Amino acid sequence: MNHARRRFLRLVPPALTTLGFGWSACGIRSADASDSPQRFRIASVPQQDMEERYAAAYRALEAYLAPRLGVPVSVHPLENATLALEGLRAGKLDLCNFSPWPFLLAESRANVEALLFTRTPEGGTGSYRSLLVTHRGTGLANAEDVLERAAEITFSFEEAVSTSGHLAPRAFFHQIGIDPEKDFKRVLFSTDGTTNLLAVKARRLDLAAVSDSTLRRAVDRGRISPDDIVVVWRSEPLLSGITAIRRALPAAFRRRVQTLFIDLPTAEPALWAEVARQYSHPVAGYSAADESLLLPYRRLVGTVPGLALSA
C-alpha cells in the first residue's frame, strides 16, 4: 500500500466531525436519559455495485429504529471499514456491520462488542468465502502451483482490514509456507475486490484475493466473464454480518437495539425486505451474537505474521 493510501485510510471524513441526524428530536418521545444516549449513529459501508441497495436498506432501518428507540437515528455512508473503525474509536459512530477481521480490530481499538449475526433461512449464520484468482495466462491451477512459482507472482490483497481480502488469504499463505512480502515477486494492497478482479483480467496482476460474492456480482454485471478467471483456492466459509455496537452506550440501550433487530422481520416485514437486500446471501433475520463462532478468528491473531490488533 502506498503512503498516500495509508494516509487516506487514517482520515476520518468531515461527515464524522459534523454529524447530522436523519431524524430530528421533534415528534420523538424522549427515552429515559439514564439508559439511552442522546442520539444513535449508524455507519453504512456499501459493497461496490450495491450502493443503491444499501441506501434503501439503511433508510428502512432508520425508519424502523428511530420511533422505537425514542432518540434521533442517523445513517452515515462511508467508503470503507477503516473509516467506520475510526469513527467508532472517536465516539462519532455507534453501530456498524463488519466481517470478522475488521470486527476484531474494532473490538480492540474502539471498544465495541458483537451484538448480532445474520441468520440464514436454514437457521445458520451468514457466510461467504475468500478466493485466490488468476488469469489463464499464468498457468496457475492450484495452491501447489502458487507455492512452487511464488517468486514469479505479482499478488494483491484487498484493503488491510478485509477478512476475505487479507486475513483469510494471509492465514492460508502462512499455512502452506509462503511469506507474501518475502516470497512473492511483488505484493500490493488494493481498495476493493472488483479492482483486483479487473487487474487480473487485464493481466496486470498474476494473483489476487477477492470474495466469492464480489466475483459473482462482477460476472452478473458483465464486468468479467467466467472464462477470464481461474480460481486456485477457496477458503472455508467465513462468518459474515457481525453487527458491532459501542460498549460505551448504556447496557440497557444496547440490549434494546439487539431486541429490535431480532424482531424486525416479524414486526415490519416490508421494512425488513428492504434491509435484507443489502446482503449478498439469503438472510432471514438476525440472532444474538455467539462468541464461540468468533473463536477461530481470535486464535489467528498473533499466530500469523502480518496480522496485529494493535494500531
C-alpha atoms as a PDB file:
ATOM      1  CA  MET A   1       0.000   0.000   0.000  1.00  0.00           C
ATOM      2  CA  ASN A   2       1.460   3.371  -0.921  1.00  0.00           C
ATOM      3  CA  HIS A   3       1.917   6.162   1.613  1.00  0.00           C
ATOM      4  CA  ALA A   4      -0.865   8.305   0.165  1.00  0.00           C
ATOM      5  CA  ARG A   5      -3.312   5.410   0.522  1.00  0.00           C
ATOM      6  CA  ARG A   6      -2.254   4.821   4.123  1.00  0.00           C
ATOM      7  CA  ARG A   7      -2.776   8.488   4.960  1.00  0.00           C
ATOM      8  CA  PHE A   8      -6.203   8.398   3.321  1.00  0.00           C
ATOM      9  CA  LEU A   9      -7.310   5.332   5.268  1.00  0.00           C
ATOM     10  CA  ARG A  10      -6.455   7.016   8.545  1.00  0.00           C
ATOM     11  CA  LEU A  11      -8.515  10.087   7.815  1.00  0.00           C
ATOM     12  CA  VAL A  12     -11.926  10.480   9.376  1.00  0.00           C
ATOM     13  CA  PRO A  13     -14.196  12.115   6.786  1.00  0.00           C
ATOM     14  CA  PRO A  14     -15.673  15.543   7.535  1.00  0.00           C
ATOM     15  CA  ALA A  15     -19.100  13.942   7.937  1.00  0.00           C
ATOM     16  CA  LEU A  16     -17.858  12.286  11.113  1.00  0.00           C
ATOM     17  CA  THR A  17     -16.843  15.555  12.699  1.00  0.00           C
ATOM     18  CA  THR A  18     -20.135  17.326  11.986  1.00  0.00           C
ATOM     19  CA  LEU A  19     -22.648  14.523  12.243  1.00  0.00           C
ATOM     20  CA  GLY A  20     -26.205  15.432  11.390  1.00  0.00           C
ATOM     21  CA  PHE A  21     -29.324  13.436  12.082  1.00  0.00           C
ATOM     22  CA  GLY A  22     -31.813  11.833   9.733  1.00  0.00           C
ATOM     23  CA  TRP A  23     -34.465  12.310  12.429  1.00  0.00           C
ATOM     24  CA  SER A  24     -34.962  15.481  14.431  1.00  0.00           C
ATOM     25  CA  ALA A  25     -35.914  15.325  18.074  1.00  0.00           C
ATOM     26  CA  CYS A  26     -39.304  16.822  17.243  1.00  0.00           C
ATOM     27  CA  GLY A  27     -42.050  14.262  17.364  1.00  0.00           C
ATOM     28  CA  ILE A  28     -39.905  11.588  19.006  1.00  0.00           C
ATOM     29  CA  ARG A  29     -40.697  10.788  22.604  1.00  0.00           C
ATOM     30  CA  SER A  30     -37.596  11.132  24.763  1.00  0.00           C
ATOM     31  CA  ALA A  31     -36.385   7.890  26.306  1.00  0.00           C
ATOM     32  CA  ASP A  32     -35.209   7.647  29.896  1.00  0.00           C
ATOM     33  CA  ALA A  33     -31.938   9.575  29.928  1.00  0.00           C
ATOM     34  CA  SER A  34     -30.479   7.013  32.317  1.00  0.00           C
ATOM     35  CA  ASP A  35     -30.454   4.219  29.726  1.00  0.00           C
ATOM     36  CA  SER A  36     -30.397   5.999  26.362  1.00  0.00           C
ATOM     37  CA  PRO A  37     -27.833   8.132  24.519  1.00  0.00           C
ATOM     38  CA  GLN A  38     -28.823  11.482  23.072  1.00  0.00           C
ATOM     39  CA  ARG A  39     -28.578  10.074  19.544  1.00  0.00           C
ATOM     40  CA  PHE A  40     -27.764   6.856  17.700  1.00  0.00           C
ATOM     41  CA  ARG A  41     -25.375   6.937  14.726  1.00  0.00           C
ATOM     42  CA  ILE A  42     -25.083   4.031  12.302  1.00  0.00           C
ATOM     43  CA  ALA A  43     -22.269   3.503   9.801  1.00  0.00           C
ATOM     44  CA  SER A  44     -23.063   2.138   6.353  1.00  0.00           C
ATOM     45  CA  VAL A  45     -20.181   0.721   4.302  1.00  0.00           C
ATOM     46  CA  PRO A  46     -21.671  -0.293   0.927  1.00  0.00           C
ATOM     47  CA  GLN A  47     -20.150  -3.055  -1.128  1.00  0.00           C
ATOM     48  CA  GLN A  48     -19.151  -1.923  -4.590  1.00  0.00           C
ATOM     49  CA  ASP A  49     -22.035  -2.008  -7.094  1.00  0.00           C
ATOM     50  CA  MET A  50     -24.552  -2.233  -4.245  1.00  0.00           C
ATOM     51  CA  GLU A  51     -24.708   1.417  -3.171  1.00  0.00           C
ATOM     52  CA  GLU A  52     -28.385   1.889  -4.078  1.00  0.00           C
ATOM     53  CA  ARG A  53     -29.418  -1.236  -2.209  1.00  0.00           C
ATOM     54  CA  TYR A  54     -27.505  -0.112   0.864  1.00  0.00           C
ATOM     55  CA  ALA A  55     -29.068   3.350   0.743  1.00  0.00           C
ATOM     56  CA  ALA A  56     -32.582   1.880   0.647  1.00  0.00           C
ATOM     57  CA  ALA A  57     -31.745  -0.678   3.336  1.00  0.00           C
ATOM     58  CA  TYR A  58     -30.436   1.909   5.766  1.00  0.00           C
ATOM     59  CA  ARG A  59     -33.332   4.294   5.131  1.00  0.00           C
ATOM     60  CA  ALA A  60     -35.635   1.455   6.122  1.00  0.00           C
ATOM     61  CA  LEU A  61     -33.533   0.670   9.181  1.00  0.00           C
ATOM     62  CA  GLU A  62     -33.574   4.315  10.215  1.00  0.00           C
ATOM     63  CA  ALA A  63     -37.365   4.457   9.815  1.00  0.00           C
ATOM     64  CA  TYR A  64     -37.748   1.345  11.946  1.00  0.00           C
ATOM     65  CA  LEU A  65     -35.375   2.202  14.784  1.00  0.00           C
ATOM     66  CA  ALA A  66     -35.934   5.917  15.398  1.00  0.00           C
ATOM     67  CA  PRO A  67     -39.517   5.861  16.746  1.00  0.00           C
ATOM     68  CA  ARG A  68     -38.881   2.697  18.759  1.00  0.00           C
ATOM     69  CA  LEU A  69     -35.656   3.861  20.378  1.00  0.00           C
ATOM     70  CA  GLY A  70     -37.030   7.309  21.126  1.00  0.00           C
ATOM     71  CA  VAL A  71     -33.830   9.075  20.097  1.00  0.00           C
ATOM     72  CA  PRO A  72     -32.662  10.605  16.787  1.00  0.00           C
ATOM     73  CA  VAL A  73     -31.140   7.980  14.483  1.00  0.00           C
ATOM     74  CA  SER A  74     -28.789   8.894  11.648  1.00  0.00           C
ATOM     75  CA  VAL A  75     -27.030   6.815   8.979  1.00  0.00           C
ATOM     76  CA  HIS A  76     -23.563   7.744   7.719  1.00  0.00           C
ATOM     77  CA  PRO A  77     -22.350   6.178   4.440  1.00  0.00           C
ATOM     78  CA  LEU A  78     -18.595   5.601   4.435  1.00  0.00           C
ATOM     79  CA  GLU A  79     -16.149   4.416   1.805  1.00  0.00           C
ATOM     80  CA  ASN A  80     -14.578   1.572   3.744  1.00  0.00           C
ATOM     81  CA  ALA A  81     -14.427  -0.308   7.030  1.00  0.00           C
ATOM     82  CA  THR A  82     -11.310   1.560   8.152  1.00  0.00           C
ATOM     83  CA  LEU A  83     -13.234   4.831   8.257  1.00  0.00           C
ATOM     84  CA  ALA A  84     -16.026   3.153  10.206  1.00  0.00           C
ATOM     85  CA  LEU A  85     -13.478   1.833  12.693  1.00  0.00           C
ATOM     86  CA  GLU A  86     -12.012   5.309  13.122  1.00  0.00           C
ATOM     87  CA  GLY A  87     -15.475   6.802  13.629  1.00  0.00           C
ATOM     88  CA  LEU A  88     -16.277   4.248  16.328  1.00  0.00           C
ATOM     89  CA  ARG A  89     -12.936   4.847  18.024  1.00  0.00           C
ATOM     90  CA  ALA A  90     -13.553   8.606  18.023  1.00  0.00           C
ATOM     91  CA  GLY A  91     -17.003   8.112  19.559  1.00  0.00           C
ATOM     92  CA  LYS A  92     -18.661   9.628  16.490  1.00  0.00           C
ATOM     93  CA  LEU A  93     -20.399   6.412  15.387  1.00  0.00           C
ATOM     94  CA  ASP A  94     -22.258   3.831  17.451  1.00  0.00           C
ATOM     95  CA  LEU A  95     -23.042   0.812  15.280  1.00  0.00           C
ATOM     96  CA  CYS A  96     -21.565  -0.869  12.216  1.00  0.00           C
ATOM     97  CA  ASN A  97     -21.790  -4.142  10.300  1.00  0.00           C
ATOM     98  CA  PHE A  98     -18.399  -5.881   9.967  1.00  0.00           C
ATOM     99  CA  SER A  99     -16.795  -9.107   8.816  1.00  0.00           C
ATOM    100  CA  PRO A 100     -14.571 -10.901  11.386  1.00  0.00           C
ATOM    101  CA  TRP A 101     -11.213  -9.164  10.856  1.00  0.00           C
ATOM    102  CA  PRO A 102     -12.421  -5.534  10.992  1.00  0.00           C
ATOM    103  CA  PHE A 103     -14.660  -6.535  13.895  1.00  0.00           C
ATOM    104  CA  LEU A 104     -11.683  -7.824  15.897  1.00  0.00           C
ATOM    105  CA  LEU A 105      -9.790  -4.641  15.086  1.00  0.00           C
ATOM    106  CA  ALA A 106     -12.761  -2.514  16.168  1.00  0.00           C
ATOM    107  CA  GLU A 107     -13.164  -4.570  19.342  1.00  0.00           C
ATOM    108  CA  SER A 108      -9.513  -3.982  20.217  1.00  0.00           C
ATOM    109  CA  ARG A 109      -9.213  -0.366  19.144  1.00  0.00           C
ATOM    110  CA  ALA A 110     -12.713   1.081  19.511  1.00  0.00           C
ATOM    111  CA  ASN A 111     -14.180  -0.906  22.442  1.00  0.00           C
ATOM    112  CA  VAL A 112     -17.127  -2.445  20.629  1.00  0.00           C
ATOM    113  CA  GLU A 113     -18.948  -5.721  21.246  1.00  0.00           C
ATOM    114  CA  ALA A 114     -20.563  -8.166  18.853  1.00  0.00           C
ATOM    115  CA  LEU A 115     -24.313  -7.627  19.099  1.00  0.00           C
ATOM    116  CA  LEU A 116     -25.820  -9.638  16.241  1.00  0.00           C
ATOM    117  CA  PHE A 117     -25.092 -12.134  13.472  1.00  0.00           C
ATOM    118  CA  THR A 118     -27.160 -12.540  10.346  1.00  0.00           C
ATOM    119  CA  ARG A 119     -29.373 -15.645  10.263  1.00  0.00           C
ATOM    120  CA  THR A 120     -29.938 -17.719   7.126  1.00  0.00           C
ATOM    121  CA  PRO A 121     -33.321 -19.205   6.126  1.00  0.00           C
ATOM    122  CA  GLU A 122     -31.963 -22.599   7.266  1.00  0.00           C
ATOM    123  CA  GLY A 123     -31.215 -21.217  10.720  1.00  0.00           C
ATOM    124  CA  GLY A 124     -27.439 -20.972  10.415  1.00  0.00           C
ATOM    125  CA  THR A 125     -25.259 -17.876  10.290  1.00  0.00           C
ATOM    126  CA  GLY A 126     -24.469 -15.992   7.088  1.00  0.00           C
ATOM    127  CA  SER A 127     -21.189 -16.873   5.404  1.00  0.00           C
ATOM    128  CA  TYR A 128     -19.080 -16.302   2.311  1.00  0.00           C
ATOM    129  CA  ARG A 129     -15.649 -17.381   1.062  1.00  0.00           C
ATOM    130  CA  SER A 130     -12.294 -15.887   0.196  1.00  0.00           C
ATOM    131  CA  LEU A 131     -10.842 -16.766  -3.206  1.00  0.00           C
ATOM    132  CA  LEU A 132      -7.433 -16.560  -4.826  1.00  0.00           C
ATOM    133  CA  VAL A 133      -7.880 -15.894  -8.531  1.00  0.00           C
ATOM    134  CA  THR A 134      -5.577 -15.724 -11.528  1.00  0.00           C
ATOM    135  CA  HIS A 135      -5.899 -15.422 -15.314  1.00  0.00           C
ATOM    136  CA  ARG A 136      -5.384 -18.333 -17.679  1.00  0.00           C
ATOM    137  CA  GLY A 137      -2.122 -16.920 -18.998  1.00  0.00           C
ATOM    138  CA  THR A 138      -0.265 -17.662 -15.756  1.00  0.00           C
ATOM    139  CA  GLY A 139      -0.844 -21.400 -15.956  1.00  0.00           C
ATOM    140  CA  LEU A 140      -1.507 -21.427 -12.194  1.00  0.00           C
ATOM    141  CA  ALA A 141      -4.124 -24.039 -11.350  1.00  0.00           C
ATOM    142  CA  ASN A 142      -3.891 -24.724  -7.620  1.00  0.00           C
ATOM    143  CA  ALA A 143      -2.164 -23.840  -4.367  1.00  0.00           C
ATOM    144  CA  GLU A 144       0.784 -26.101  -5.142  1.00  0.00           C
ATOM    145  CA  ASP A 145       1.498 -24.085  -8.280  1.00  0.00           C
ATOM    146  CA  VAL A 146       1.382 -20.863  -6.260  1.00  0.00           C
ATOM    147  CA  LEU A 147       3.867 -22.264  -3.753  1.00  0.00           C
ATOM    148  CA  GLU A 148       6.270 -23.519  -6.417  1.00  0.00           C
ATOM    149  CA  ARG A 149       6.195 -20.332  -8.514  1.00  0.00           C
ATOM    150  CA  ALA A 150       5.821 -17.696  -5.773  1.00  0.00           C
ATOM    151  CA  ALA A 151       8.933 -15.773  -6.868  1.00  0.00           C
ATOM    152  CA  GLU A 152       7.302 -15.088 -10.281  1.00  0.00           C
ATOM    153  CA  ILE A 153       3.988 -13.821  -8.910  1.00  0.00           C
ATOM    154  CA  THR A 154       2.700 -10.268  -8.540  1.00  0.00           C
ATOM    155  CA  PHE A 155      -0.067 -10.535  -5.944  1.00  0.00           C
ATOM    156  CA  SER A 156      -2.633  -8.164  -4.442  1.00  0.00           C
ATOM    157  CA  PHE A 157      -4.585  -8.313  -1.207  1.00  0.00           C
ATOM    158  CA  GLU A 158      -7.644  -6.100  -0.819  1.00  0.00           C
ATOM    159  CA  GLU A 159      -7.555  -3.410   1.875  1.00  0.00           C
ATOM    160  CA  ALA A 160      -5.702  -4.352   5.038  1.00  0.00           C
ATOM    161  CA  VAL A 161      -8.858  -4.606   7.179  1.00  0.00           C
ATOM    162  CA  SER A 162     -10.634  -7.047   4.840  1.00  0.00           C
ATOM    163  CA  THR A 163     -11.396 -10.574   6.051  1.00  0.00           C
ATOM    164  CA  SER A 164     -11.706 -12.240   2.643  1.00  0.00           C
ATOM    165  CA  GLY A 165      -9.161  -9.921   1.046  1.00  0.00           C
ATOM    166  CA  HIS A 166      -6.462 -10.007   3.727  1.00  0.00           C
ATOM    167  CA  LEU A 167      -6.953 -12.116   6.862  1.00  0.00           C
ATOM    168  CA  ALA A 168      -8.075 -15.350   5.163  1.00  0.00           C
ATOM    169  CA  PRO A 169      -5.526 -15.390   2.313  1.00  0.00           C
ATOM    170  CA  ARG A 170      -2.656 -14.340   4.581  1.00  0.00           C
ATOM    171  CA  ALA A 171      -3.545 -17.131   7.007  1.00  0.00           C
ATOM    172  CA  PHE A 172      -3.651 -19.572   4.085  1.00  0.00           C
ATOM    173  CA  PHE A 173      -0.260 -18.448   2.776  1.00  0.00           C
ATOM    174  CA  HIS A 174       1.201 -18.901   6.254  1.00  0.00           C
ATOM    175  CA  GLN A 175      -0.288 -22.417   6.389  1.00  0.00           C
ATOM    176  CA  ILE A 176       1.398 -23.510   3.153  1.00  0.00           C
ATOM    177  CA  GLY A 177       4.690 -21.813   3.934  1.00  0.00           C
ATOM    178  CA  ILE A 178       4.531 -18.562   1.966  1.00  0.00           C
ATOM    179  CA  ASP A 179       5.574 -15.224   3.446  1.00  0.00           C
ATOM    180  CA  PRO A 180       3.914 -12.914   0.871  1.00  0.00           C
ATOM    181  CA  GLU A 181       6.204  -9.913   1.334  1.00  0.00           C
ATOM    182  CA  LYS A 182       9.328 -12.073   1.117  1.00  0.00           C
ATOM    183  CA  ASP A 183       8.357 -14.817  -1.303  1.00  0.00           C
ATOM    184  CA  PHE A 184       6.214 -13.153  -3.962  1.00  0.00           C
ATOM    185  CA  LYS A 185       7.790 -11.012  -6.667  1.00  0.00           C
ATOM    186  CA  ARG A 186       5.605  -8.084  -5.568  1.00  0.00           C
ATOM    187  CA  VAL A 187       2.760  -7.569  -3.069  1.00  0.00           C
ATOM    188  CA  LEU A 188       0.131  -4.846  -3.321  1.00  0.00           C
ATOM    189  CA  PHE A 189      -2.979  -3.740  -1.433  1.00  0.00           C
ATOM    190  CA  SER A 190      -5.965  -2.558  -3.473  1.00  0.00           C
ATOM    191  CA  THR A 191      -9.089  -0.644  -2.498  1.00  0.00           C
ATOM    192  CA  ASP A 192     -11.552  -3.469  -3.195  1.00  0.00           C
ATOM    193  CA  GLY A 193     -12.114  -6.854  -4.793  1.00  0.00           C
ATOM    194  CA  THR A 194     -13.538  -5.531  -8.051  1.00  0.00           C
ATOM    195  CA  THR A 195     -10.326  -3.596  -8.633  1.00  0.00           C
ATOM    196  CA  ASN A 196      -8.395  -6.814  -8.075  1.00  0.00           C
ATOM    197  CA  LEU A 197     -10.584  -8.763 -10.496  1.00  0.00           C
ATOM    198  CA  LEU A 198     -10.244  -6.196 -13.252  1.00  0.00           C
ATOM    199  CA  ALA A 199      -6.476  -6.043 -12.743  1.00  0.00           C
ATOM    200  CA  VAL A 200      -6.255  -9.827 -13.043  1.00  0.00           C
ATOM    201  CA  LYS A 201      -8.440  -9.747 -16.161  1.00  0.00           C
ATOM    202  CA  ALA A 202      -6.133  -7.109 -17.681  1.00  0.00           C
ATOM    203  CA  ARG A 203      -3.123  -9.246 -16.680  1.00  0.00           C
ATOM    204  CA  ARG A 204      -1.627  -6.516 -14.509  1.00  0.00           C
ATOM    205  CA  LEU A 205      -1.782  -8.980 -11.609  1.00  0.00           C
ATOM    206  CA  ASP A 206      -0.885 -12.658 -11.596  1.00  0.00           C
ATOM    207  CA  LEU A 207      -2.866 -13.474  -8.466  1.00  0.00           C
ATOM    208  CA  ALA A 208      -5.355 -11.624  -6.272  1.00  0.00           C
ATOM    209  CA  ALA A 209      -7.596 -12.105  -3.255  1.00  0.00           C
ATOM    210  CA  VAL A 210     -11.337 -11.483  -3.640  1.00  0.00           C
ATOM    211  CA  SER A 211     -14.569 -12.696  -2.054  1.00  0.00           C
ATOM    212  CA  ASP A 212     -16.882 -15.115  -3.825  1.00  0.00           C
ATOM    213  CA  SER A 213     -19.691 -12.541  -3.617  1.00  0.00           C
ATOM    214  CA  THR A 214     -17.535  -9.936  -5.370  1.00  0.00           C
ATOM    215  CA  LEU A 215     -16.730 -12.397  -8.148  1.00  0.00           C
ATOM    216  CA  ARG A 216     -20.389 -13.330  -8.525  1.00  0.00           C
ATOM    217  CA  ARG A 217     -21.512  -9.691  -8.786  1.00  0.00           C
ATOM    218  CA  ALA A 218     -18.767  -8.899 -11.304  1.00  0.00           C
ATOM    219  CA  VAL A 219     -19.890 -11.778 -13.527  1.00  0.00           C
ATOM    220  CA  ASP A 220     -23.584 -10.895 -13.118  1.00  0.00           C
ATOM    221  CA  ARG A 221     -22.896  -7.293 -14.151  1.00  0.00           C
ATOM    222  CA  GLY A 222     -20.796  -8.302 -17.130  1.00  0.00           C
ATOM    223  CA  ARG A 223     -17.595  -6.768 -15.762  1.00  0.00           C
ATOM    224  CA  ILE A 224     -15.799 -10.034 -16.346  1.00  0.00           C
ATOM    225  CA  SER A 225     -16.527 -13.398 -17.945  1.00  0.00           C
ATOM    226  CA  PRO A 226     -16.074 -16.640 -16.010  1.00  0.00           C
ATOM    227  CA  ASP A 227     -13.522 -17.548 -18.673  1.00  0.00           C
ATOM    228  CA  ASP A 228     -11.368 -14.571 -17.628  1.00  0.00           C
ATOM    229  CA  ILE A 229     -10.701 -16.002 -14.165  1.00  0.00           C
ATOM    230  CA  VAL A 230      -9.250 -19.188 -12.705  1.00  0.00           C
ATOM    231  CA  VAL A 231      -9.929 -19.853  -9.005  1.00  0.00           C
ATOM    232  CA  VAL A 232      -6.880 -21.542  -7.484  1.00  0.00           C
ATOM    233  CA  TRP A 233      -8.080 -21.619  -3.866  1.00  0.00           C
ATOM    234  CA  ARG A 234     -11.321 -21.267  -1.864  1.00  0.00           C
ATOM    235  CA  SER A 235     -11.409 -20.709   1.869  1.00  0.00           C
ATOM    236  CA  GLU A 236     -13.679 -22.444   4.320  1.00  0.00           C
ATOM    237  CA  PRO A 237     -16.905 -20.453   4.967  1.00  0.00           C
ATOM    238  CA  LEU A 238     -16.216 -17.126   6.669  1.00  0.00           C
ATOM    239  CA  LEU A 239     -18.615 -15.583   9.161  1.00  0.00           C
ATOM    240  CA  SER A 240     -20.388 -12.545   7.699  1.00  0.00           C
ATOM    241  CA  GLY A 241     -22.669  -9.851   9.025  1.00  0.00           C
ATOM    242  CA  ILE A 242     -21.345  -9.102  12.529  1.00  0.00           C
ATOM    243  CA  THR A 243     -23.239  -6.101  13.874  1.00  0.00           C
ATOM    244  CA  ALA A 244     -20.992  -4.311  16.374  1.00  0.00           C
ATOM    245  CA  ILE A 245     -22.034  -1.656  18.881  1.00  0.00           C
ATOM    246  CA  ARG A 246     -20.000   0.649  21.116  1.00  0.00           C
ATOM    247  CA  ARG A 247     -19.718  -0.617  24.689  1.00  0.00           C
ATOM    248  CA  ALA A 248     -19.830   2.976  25.942  1.00  0.00           C
ATOM    249  CA  LEU A 249     -23.562   3.039  25.232  1.00  0.00           C
ATOM    250  CA  PRO A 250     -25.757   2.101  28.218  1.00  0.00           C
ATOM    251  CA  ALA A 251     -26.195  -1.663  28.553  1.00  0.00           C
ATOM    252  CA  ALA A 252     -29.994  -1.451  28.591  1.00  0.00           C
ATOM    253  CA  PHE A 253     -29.941   0.549  25.368  1.00  0.00           C
ATOM    254  CA  ARG A 254     -27.625  -1.957  23.666  1.00  0.00           C
ATOM    255  CA  ARG A 255     -29.970  -4.807  24.606  1.00  0.00           C
ATOM    256  CA  ARG A 256     -32.948  -2.806  23.326  1.00  0.00           C
ATOM    257  CA  VAL A 257     -31.205  -2.314  19.977  1.00  0.00           C
ATOM    258  CA  GLN A 258     -30.444  -6.041  19.837  1.00  0.00           C
ATOM    259  CA  THR A 259     -34.082  -6.951  20.503  1.00  0.00           C
ATOM    260  CA  LEU A 260     -35.347  -4.534  17.864  1.00  0.00           C
ATOM    261  CA  PHE A 261     -33.060  -6.017  15.208  1.00  0.00           C
ATOM    262  CA  ILE A 262     -34.119  -9.569  16.089  1.00  0.00           C
ATOM    263  CA  ASP A 263     -37.802  -8.578  15.985  1.00  0.00           C
ATOM    264  CA  LEU A 264     -37.535  -6.625  12.703  1.00  0.00           C
ATOM    265  CA  PRO A 265     -38.616  -9.339  10.193  1.00  0.00           C
ATOM    266  CA  THR A 266     -41.882 -10.045  12.024  1.00  0.00           C
ATOM    267  CA  ALA A 267     -42.522  -6.529  13.360  1.00  0.00           C
ATOM    268  CA  GLU A 268     -42.120  -4.762   9.987  1.00  0.00           C
ATOM    269  CA  PRO A 269     -41.930  -7.251   7.079  1.00  0.00           C
ATOM    270  CA  ALA A 270     -41.920  -4.527   4.398  1.00  0.00           C
ATOM    271  CA  LEU A 271     -39.029  -2.668   6.020  1.00  0.00           C
ATOM    272  CA  TRP A 272     -37.199  -5.931   6.607  1.00  0.00           C
ATOM    273  CA  ALA A 273     -37.467  -6.770   2.902  1.00  0.00           C
ATOM    274  CA  GLU A 274     -35.536  -3.555   2.149  1.00  0.00           C
ATOM    275  CA  VAL A 275     -32.969  -4.153   4.884  1.00  0.00           C
ATOM    276  CA  ALA A 276     -32.336  -7.725   3.688  1.00  0.00           C
ATOM    277  CA  ARG A 277     -31.429  -6.563   0.173  1.00  0.00           C
ATOM    278  CA  GLN A 278     -28.052  -5.252   1.372  1.00  0.00           C
ATOM    279  CA  TYR A 279     -26.743  -8.784   1.874  1.00  0.00           C
ATOM    280  CA  SER A 280     -25.069 -10.882  -0.810  1.00  0.00           C
ATOM    281  CA  HIS A 281     -26.518 -14.105   0.602  1.00  0.00           C
ATOM    282  CA  PRO A 282     -30.087 -15.029   1.644  1.00  0.00           C
ATOM    283  CA  VAL A 283     -30.808 -13.660   5.117  1.00  0.00           C
ATOM    284  CA  ALA A 284     -33.910 -14.443   7.163  1.00  0.00           C
ATOM    285  CA  GLY A 285     -33.147 -12.159  10.096  1.00  0.00           C
ATOM    286  CA  TYR A 286     -30.753 -11.612  12.989  1.00  0.00           C
ATOM    287  CA  SER A 287     -29.680 -13.646  16.003  1.00  0.00           C
ATOM    288  CA  ALA A 288     -27.778 -12.688  19.139  1.00  0.00           C
ATOM    289  CA  ALA A 289     -24.015 -12.899  18.572  1.00  0.00           C
ATOM    290  CA  ASP A 290     -22.439 -16.219  19.538  1.00  0.00           C
ATOM    291  CA  GLU A 291     -18.918 -15.772  20.917  1.00  0.00           C
ATOM    292  CA  SER A 292     -17.944 -19.345  20.042  1.00  0.00           C
ATOM    293  CA  LEU A 293     -18.170 -18.526  16.331  1.00  0.00           C
ATOM    294  CA  LEU A 294     -15.565 -15.789  16.759  1.00  0.00           C
ATOM    295  CA  LEU A 295     -13.005 -18.014  18.479  1.00  0.00           C
ATOM    296  CA  PRO A 296     -11.367 -19.365  15.292  1.00  0.00           C
ATOM    297  CA  TYR A 297     -10.634 -15.808  14.175  1.00  0.00           C
ATOM    298  CA  ARG A 298      -9.303 -14.820  17.591  1.00  0.00           C
ATOM    299  CA  ARG A 299      -6.905 -17.775  17.503  1.00  0.00           C
ATOM    300  CA  LEU A 300      -5.345 -16.488  14.293  1.00  0.00           C
ATOM    301  CA  VAL A 301      -4.259 -13.242  15.944  1.00  0.00           C
ATOM    302  CA  GLY A 302      -0.645 -13.485  16.997  1.00  0.00           C
ATOM    303  CA  THR A 303      -0.072 -16.742  15.082  1.00  0.00           C
ATOM    304  CA  VAL A 304       0.060 -15.339  11.554  1.00  0.00           C
ATOM    305  CA  PRO A 305       2.819 -12.822  10.701  1.00  0.00           C
ATOM    306  CA  GLY A 306       1.350  -9.627   9.286  1.00  0.00           C
ATOM    307  CA  LEU A 307      -1.772  -9.666  11.457  1.00  0.00           C
ATOM    308  CA  ALA A 308      -1.926  -7.498  14.573  1.00  0.00           C
ATOM    309  CA  LEU A 309      -4.727  -5.926  16.601  1.00  0.00           C
ATOM    310  CA  SER A 310      -2.619  -3.015  17.855  1.00  0.00           C
ATOM    311  CA  ALA A 311      -2.761   0.210  15.854  1.00  0.00           C
END
